[in-house]
């Protein structure tokens, strides 16, 4: 639907580690399902839920009171914000726009990775978000206008969920160094272009070179990692009564806690050694295709 058959098959066997660009395949359902006018229409009609809309100006987020009323984005504020150079982000469109929900469901069925899709509107010659990295793979689909992406090699190894987030680790000296050395790669997307951006890659997206408003979608794929499997292996232990036995307060005392940990570790090893791998594999495959959050089902 997005990468085309050849690139999609390649990604299924070898997950992307470096950014690359493609063209949206002809006949893709993305084009009839959503376009730039439709995205803007959600805002102008007051249909966009305020909890799923963010507004950025020069890298900083605006307080929702600036653009919301009655739990919706106020239509009168939209053009004013854009005229002021703000970028508007419509988060998780798949939660409230059925066609994109179907696309994200299809992606998860094919890859086992849940995800979501977010839209960004940036006025010409402006910039919303600046240097940062993301925790998951992103697939950017340019719908209107142009957007420039300055890409830099990762600063951390395999960020995931809340671990190694750019907002928690940020150092201003990094930006000075990136600006001094220049980007590893610069790409300028035009309508119909695709950018595949692996997690951890630092990016500085902007429309400073654009002459019309940029609108793009970012499909986020939340990759499965060994931790995800481990969590569900441990979580399945709830069916074993030994793991539901009460630990008395004395077992949580600082002096006895090491013994409690050692006993639980031994219990876990014993449980996992007797696990039915085939049965668990089928359950995990179903979970991979159906789970939509980090919560264990």
Protein backbone atom coordinates (compact mmCIF):
# COMPACT_ATOMS: atom_id res chain seq x y z
CA UNK A 1 0.00 0.00 0.00
CA UNK A 2 2.87 2.38 0.76
CA UNK A 3 6.26 0.93 -0.17
CA UNK A 4 5.26 -1.25 -3.11
CA UNK A 5 5.71 -5.03 -3.34
CA UNK A 6 9.46 -5.18 -3.87
CA UNK A 7 10.45 -2.76 -1.11
CA UNK A 8 7.87 -4.19 1.29
CA UNK A 9 9.12 -7.74 0.82
CA UNK A 10 12.69 -6.57 1.36
CA UNK A 11 11.72 -4.80 4.59
CA UNK A 12 9.94 -7.90 5.90
CA UNK A 13 13.12 -9.96 5.60
CA UNK A 14 15.64 -7.27 6.57
CA UNK A 15 14.34 -4.41 8.70
CA UNK A 16 15.61 -0.97 7.58
CA UNK A 17 18.66 0.38 9.40
CA UNK A 18 19.37 3.35 7.12
CA UNK A 19 16.98 5.97 5.71
CA UNK A 20 15.89 5.69 2.09
CA UNK A 21 13.32 7.23 -0.24
CA UNK A 22 10.74 5.78 -2.61
CA UNK A 23 7.76 6.85 -4.68
CA UNK A 24 4.24 6.04 -3.56
CA UNK A 25 3.22 3.16 -5.84
CA UNK A 26 0.60 3.80 -8.48
CA UNK A 27 -2.75 2.45 -7.39
CA UNK A 28 -1.92 2.91 -3.70
CA UNK A 29 -5.08 3.21 -1.57
CA UNK A 30 -3.44 6.10 0.28
CA UNK A 31 -4.24 8.60 -2.46
CA UNK A 32 -8.02 8.06 -2.55
CA UNK A 33 -8.21 7.52 1.23
CA UNK A 34 -6.67 10.81 2.31
CA UNK A 35 -5.29 14.02 0.83
CA UNK A 36 -4.10 17.42 2.01
CA UNK A 37 -7.52 19.06 1.57
CA UNK A 38 -9.13 16.37 3.70
CA UNK A 39 -6.58 16.85 6.48
CA UNK A 40 -7.18 20.59 6.49
CA UNK A 41 -10.92 19.93 6.36
CA UNK A 42 -10.84 18.14 9.72
CA UNK A 43 -9.56 21.38 11.25
CA UNK A 44 -11.75 23.83 9.35
CA UNK A 45 -14.88 21.83 10.17
CA UNK A 46 -14.04 21.58 13.87
CA UNK A 47 -13.99 17.77 13.67
CA UNK A 48 -10.48 17.30 15.08
CA UNK A 49 -10.51 16.17 18.76
CA UNK A 50 -8.35 18.57 20.76
CA UNK A 51 -6.61 15.73 22.60
CA UNK A 52 -5.20 14.55 19.27
CA UNK A 53 -3.93 17.90 18.00
CA UNK A 54 -0.62 19.60 18.85
CA UNK A 55 0.65 22.95 17.63
CA UNK A 56 4.36 23.82 17.44
CA UNK A 57 6.11 27.12 16.88
CA UNK A 58 9.89 27.24 16.48
CA UNK A 59 10.27 23.85 18.11
CA UNK A 60 8.06 24.60 21.12
CA UNK A 61 4.52 23.36 21.78
CA UNK A 62 1.65 25.81 22.28
CA UNK A 63 -0.80 25.49 25.16
CA UNK A 64 -4.08 23.90 23.93
CA UNK A 65 -6.05 26.87 25.26
CA UNK A 66 -4.65 28.82 22.33
CA UNK A 67 -6.57 26.80 19.76
CA UNK A 68 -9.30 24.69 21.37
CA UNK A 69 -12.89 25.11 22.55
CA UNK A 70 -15.35 22.46 23.77
CA UNK A 71 -12.81 19.67 23.31
CA UNK A 72 -12.36 20.50 19.63
CA UNK A 73 -9.93 22.60 17.64
CA UNK A 74 -11.53 25.99 17.02
CA UNK A 75 -11.76 26.47 13.22
CA UNK A 76 -11.22 30.23 13.50
CA UNK A 77 -7.81 29.67 15.08
CA UNK A 78 -6.43 27.37 12.39
CA UNK A 79 -5.55 29.86 9.66
CA UNK A 80 -4.34 32.36 12.25
CA UNK A 81 -1.91 29.79 13.65
CA UNK A 82 -0.65 28.89 10.18
CA UNK A 83 -0.23 32.57 9.30
CA UNK A 84 1.88 32.93 12.45
CA UNK A 85 4.18 30.16 11.18
CA UNK A 86 2.93 27.34 13.40
CA UNK A 87 2.98 23.66 12.49
CA UNK A 88 -0.20 21.72 13.26
CA UNK A 89 0.03 18.03 14.11
CA UNK A 90 -3.01 15.74 13.93
CA UNK A 91 -2.06 12.68 15.97
CA UNK A 92 -3.24 9.10 15.53
CA UNK A 93 -5.66 9.73 12.69
CA UNK A 94 -6.31 5.99 12.61
CA UNK A 95 -8.20 6.32 15.91
CA UNK A 96 -10.84 8.60 14.44
CA UNK A 97 -10.64 8.30 10.64
CA UNK A 98 -11.77 4.81 9.48
CA UNK A 99 -9.89 4.63 6.14
CA UNK A 100 -6.54 5.17 7.85
CA UNK A 101 -7.57 2.79 10.61
CA UNK A 102 -7.96 0.15 7.90
CA UNK A 103 -4.50 0.94 6.50
CA UNK A 104 -2.84 0.65 9.92
CA UNK A 105 -4.71 -2.60 10.60
CA UNK A 106 -3.42 -3.95 7.29
CA UNK A 107 0.16 -2.95 8.16
CA UNK A 108 -0.06 -4.77 11.49
CA UNK A 109 -1.54 -7.88 9.88
CA UNK A 110 1.38 -7.97 7.44
CA UNK A 111 4.24 -7.07 9.78
CA UNK A 112 3.08 -7.94 13.29
CA UNK A 113 3.89 -4.34 14.28
CA UNK A 114 1.11 -2.10 15.62
CA UNK A 115 1.28 1.59 14.91
CA UNK A 116 -0.48 4.80 14.09
CA UNK A 117 -0.49 7.59 11.52
CA UNK A 118 -0.04 11.29 12.19
CA UNK A 119 -0.43 14.29 9.86
CA UNK A 120 1.66 17.47 9.87
CA UNK A 121 0.80 20.82 8.29
CA UNK A 122 3.67 23.31 8.01
CA UNK A 123 3.45 26.74 6.33
CA UNK A 124 5.99 27.62 3.62
CA UNK A 125 9.39 28.96 4.77
CA UNK A 126 8.68 27.77 8.34
CA UNK A 127 9.69 24.99 10.71
CA UNK A 128 7.73 23.21 13.43
CA UNK A 129 9.71 20.48 15.20
CA UNK A 130 13.49 20.65 14.98
CA UNK A 131 16.30 18.22 15.87
CA UNK A 132 15.10 15.03 17.55
CA UNK A 133 14.89 11.28 17.13
CA UNK A 134 11.96 8.89 17.42
CA UNK A 135 11.53 5.59 19.25
CA UNK A 136 10.09 3.66 16.30
CA UNK A 137 10.33 3.31 12.52
CA UNK A 138 8.56 6.08 10.61
CA UNK A 139 7.34 6.07 7.02
CA UNK A 140 6.74 9.61 5.77
CA UNK A 141 4.30 10.17 2.89
CA UNK A 142 4.39 13.66 1.35
CA UNK A 143 0.90 14.77 0.27
CA UNK A 144 1.35 18.45 -0.62
CA UNK A 145 4.16 20.96 -0.94
CA UNK A 146 7.77 20.13 -0.17
CA UNK A 147 9.59 19.28 3.02
CA UNK A 148 13.33 19.07 3.63
CA UNK A 149 14.72 16.42 5.96
CA UNK A 150 18.24 16.80 7.33
CA UNK A 151 19.26 13.37 8.63
CA UNK A 152 22.02 12.53 11.10
CA UNK A 153 23.34 9.18 12.34
CA UNK A 154 21.91 7.93 15.66
CA UNK A 155 23.31 9.20 18.95
CA UNK A 156 21.97 6.23 20.95
CA UNK A 157 21.61 2.54 20.24
CA UNK A 158 18.08 1.17 19.67
CA UNK A 159 15.79 3.60 21.53
CA UNK A 160 12.51 1.96 22.49
CA UNK A 161 9.34 3.08 24.29
CA UNK A 162 10.43 5.48 27.05
CA UNK A 163 14.03 4.25 27.03
CA UNK A 164 16.66 6.59 25.50
CA UNK A 165 14.19 9.29 24.44
CA UNK A 166 15.72 12.39 22.86
CA UNK A 167 13.72 14.65 25.20
CA UNK A 168 15.33 12.99 28.23
CA UNK A 169 18.91 12.89 26.97
CA UNK A 170 19.14 16.10 24.96
CA UNK A 171 22.38 18.10 24.91
CA UNK A 172 22.49 21.48 23.18
CA UNK A 173 26.11 20.88 22.16
CA UNK A 174 24.89 18.14 19.84
CA UNK A 175 23.04 20.66 17.68
CA UNK A 176 26.14 22.83 17.40
CA UNK A 177 28.15 19.80 16.28
CA UNK A 178 25.52 18.69 13.75
CA UNK A 179 25.35 22.19 12.31
CA UNK A 180 29.13 22.30 12.09
CA UNK A 181 29.54 18.87 10.47
CA UNK A 182 26.42 18.99 8.32
CA UNK A 183 23.85 16.20 7.85
CA UNK A 184 24.66 12.64 6.86
CA UNK A 185 21.95 12.99 4.22
CA UNK A 186 19.49 15.65 3.08
CA UNK A 187 16.31 14.76 1.21
CA UNK A 188 13.61 17.04 -0.12
CA UNK A 189 10.25 15.35 -0.44
CA UNK A 190 7.70 16.35 -3.05
CA UNK A 191 4.11 15.03 -3.31
CA UNK A 192 4.14 11.26 -3.77
CA UNK A 193 7.59 10.81 -2.19
CA UNK A 194 8.19 8.38 0.67
CA UNK A 195 10.90 8.57 3.33
CA UNK A 196 11.62 5.47 5.40
CA UNK A 197 13.23 6.66 8.65
CA UNK A 198 14.54 4.04 11.11
CA UNK A 199 14.25 4.66 14.83
CA UNK A 200 17.03 6.62 16.44
CA UNK A 201 18.03 8.58 13.34
CA UNK A 202 18.22 12.25 14.23
CA UNK A 203 16.21 14.47 11.89
CA UNK A 204 15.68 18.18 11.43
CA UNK A 205 12.60 18.55 9.19
CA UNK A 206 11.61 21.97 7.85
CA UNK A 207 9.79 23.78 5.07
CA UNK A 208 12.18 26.70 4.89
CA UNK A 209 12.72 26.05 1.17
CA UNK A 210 9.03 25.55 0.38
CA UNK A 211 6.78 27.98 -1.52
CA UNK A 212 3.49 26.36 -0.46
CA UNK A 213 2.14 24.68 2.65
CA UNK A 214 3.59 21.24 3.34
CA UNK A 215 1.28 18.41 4.37
CA UNK A 216 2.60 14.95 5.12
CA UNK A 217 1.63 11.75 6.89
CA UNK A 218 3.93 9.75 9.13
CA UNK A 219 3.08 6.08 9.59
CA UNK A 220 4.73 4.83 12.79
CA UNK A 221 5.48 1.12 13.18
CA UNK A 222 6.16 -0.02 16.73
CA UNK A 223 8.72 -2.74 16.18
CA UNK A 224 8.66 -5.94 18.19
CA UNK A 225 11.84 -6.61 20.16
CA UNK A 226 12.97 -9.54 22.37
CA UNK A 227 11.72 -7.61 25.41
CA UNK A 228 8.19 -7.82 23.99
CA UNK A 229 8.46 -11.61 23.78
CA UNK A 230 10.03 -11.83 27.24
CA UNK A 231 7.25 -9.74 28.80
CA UNK A 232 4.62 -12.09 27.45
CA UNK A 233 6.52 -15.20 28.47
CA UNK A 234 6.70 -13.87 32.02
CA UNK A 235 3.13 -12.58 31.85
CA UNK A 236 1.83 -16.05 31.00
CA UNK A 237 3.09 -17.22 34.42
CA UNK A 238 -0.12 -15.81 35.92
CA UNK A 239 -1.69 -19.17 35.05
CA UNK A 240 0.72 -20.91 37.45
CA UNK A 241 -0.57 -20.75 41.03
CA UNK A 242 2.98 -20.53 42.40
CA UNK A 243 3.25 -17.01 40.97
CA UNK A 244 0.00 -15.95 42.61
CA UNK A 245 1.12 -16.90 46.13
CA UNK A 246 1.40 -13.99 48.55
CA UNK A 247 4.83 -12.71 49.50
CA UNK A 248 4.53 -11.78 53.19
CA UNK A 249 5.78 -8.36 54.28
CA UNK A 250 8.77 -10.06 55.87
CA UNK A 251 9.79 -11.20 52.41
CA UNK A 252 10.00 -7.59 51.29
CA UNK A 253 12.27 -6.55 54.12
CA UNK A 254 15.68 -5.25 52.94
CA UNK A 255 17.44 -8.10 54.68
CA UNK A 256 15.32 -10.83 53.09
CA UNK A 257 14.62 -9.26 49.70
CA UNK A 258 17.69 -10.89 48.04
CA UNK A 259 16.34 -14.29 49.05
CA UNK A 260 12.90 -13.41 47.66
CA UNK A 261 14.46 -12.34 44.37
CA UNK A 262 16.55 -15.51 44.15
CA UNK A 263 13.57 -17.74 44.90
CA UNK A 264 11.44 -15.97 42.29
CA UNK A 265 14.21 -16.21 39.70
CA UNK A 266 14.52 -19.95 40.33
CA UNK A 267 10.75 -20.29 40.09
CA UNK A 268 10.73 -18.39 36.78
CA UNK A 269 13.50 -20.54 35.32
CA UNK A 270 11.59 -23.66 36.29
CA UNK A 271 8.38 -22.30 34.76
CA UNK A 272 9.98 -21.22 31.49
CA UNK A 273 11.86 -24.49 31.07
CA UNK A 274 8.55 -26.33 31.03
CA UNK A 275 6.72 -23.88 28.76
CA UNK A 276 4.96 -25.29 25.70
CA UNK A 277 6.87 -23.39 22.99
CA UNK A 278 4.50 -24.26 20.14
CA UNK A 279 1.42 -23.19 22.07
CA UNK A 280 3.10 -19.98 23.23
CA UNK A 281 4.28 -19.23 19.68
CA UNK A 282 0.73 -19.35 18.37
CA UNK A 283 -0.46 -17.06 21.16
CA UNK A 284 2.33 -14.58 20.50
CA UNK A 285 1.60 -14.54 16.77
CA UNK A 286 -2.04 -13.69 17.48
CA UNK A 287 -0.94 -10.98 19.91
CA UNK A 288 1.49 -9.50 17.38
CA UNK A 289 -1.31 -9.11 14.85
CA UNK A 290 -3.98 -7.87 17.26
CA UNK A 291 -2.39 -5.92 20.11
CA UNK A 292 -2.65 -2.15 19.74
CA UNK A 293 -0.83 -1.05 22.89
CA UNK A 294 1.97 -2.08 25.21
CA UNK A 295 -0.55 -3.62 27.61
CA UNK A 296 -0.45 -7.37 27.89
CA UNK A 297 -3.60 -9.07 26.63
